[in-house]
Each structure stands twice: as structure tokens, then as C-alpha cells.
Amino acid sequence: MPYTLALVDLEEGFRMLSRVVDEADEDTPVDAQLRVRWEHSDGVTLPLFFSVDRGTDR
């Protein structure tokens, strides 16, 4: 299954590689403001990001 990876610039000054999980990933603009959602699966917790203007906190 294809998925969208992004370099996310955090407010704290760090940059991290993560997934963007918007329903229309390929349409997410480069300068989009993102929000984190923590995904818990098989004993691992991963940060996933979605656009503030499109996503919802699920």
C-alpha cells in the first residue's frame, strides 16, 4: 500500500520524517500546517500527521 512520507518541521525547531495520513495525501501542499495523531499498534507508538484544515482527530 503506498503512503506519503514527509519531512515535518516542528515548532520546537526539530525536523522529523513521518507519514501524512490525510484522505487526499497527494493533494497536501508543501507548506501545509500539520497536527500530530499518535497511533498505537503492536506495542509501538508512531506519530502520524494530518493537515489542520482537512483532517480530524480520530
Foldseek 3Di string as FASTA:
>chain_A
DDFDWDFDQDPVGDTDIATEDFPCVVPQDNPFDWDWAWDDDPNDIGTYIYGPVGDDHD
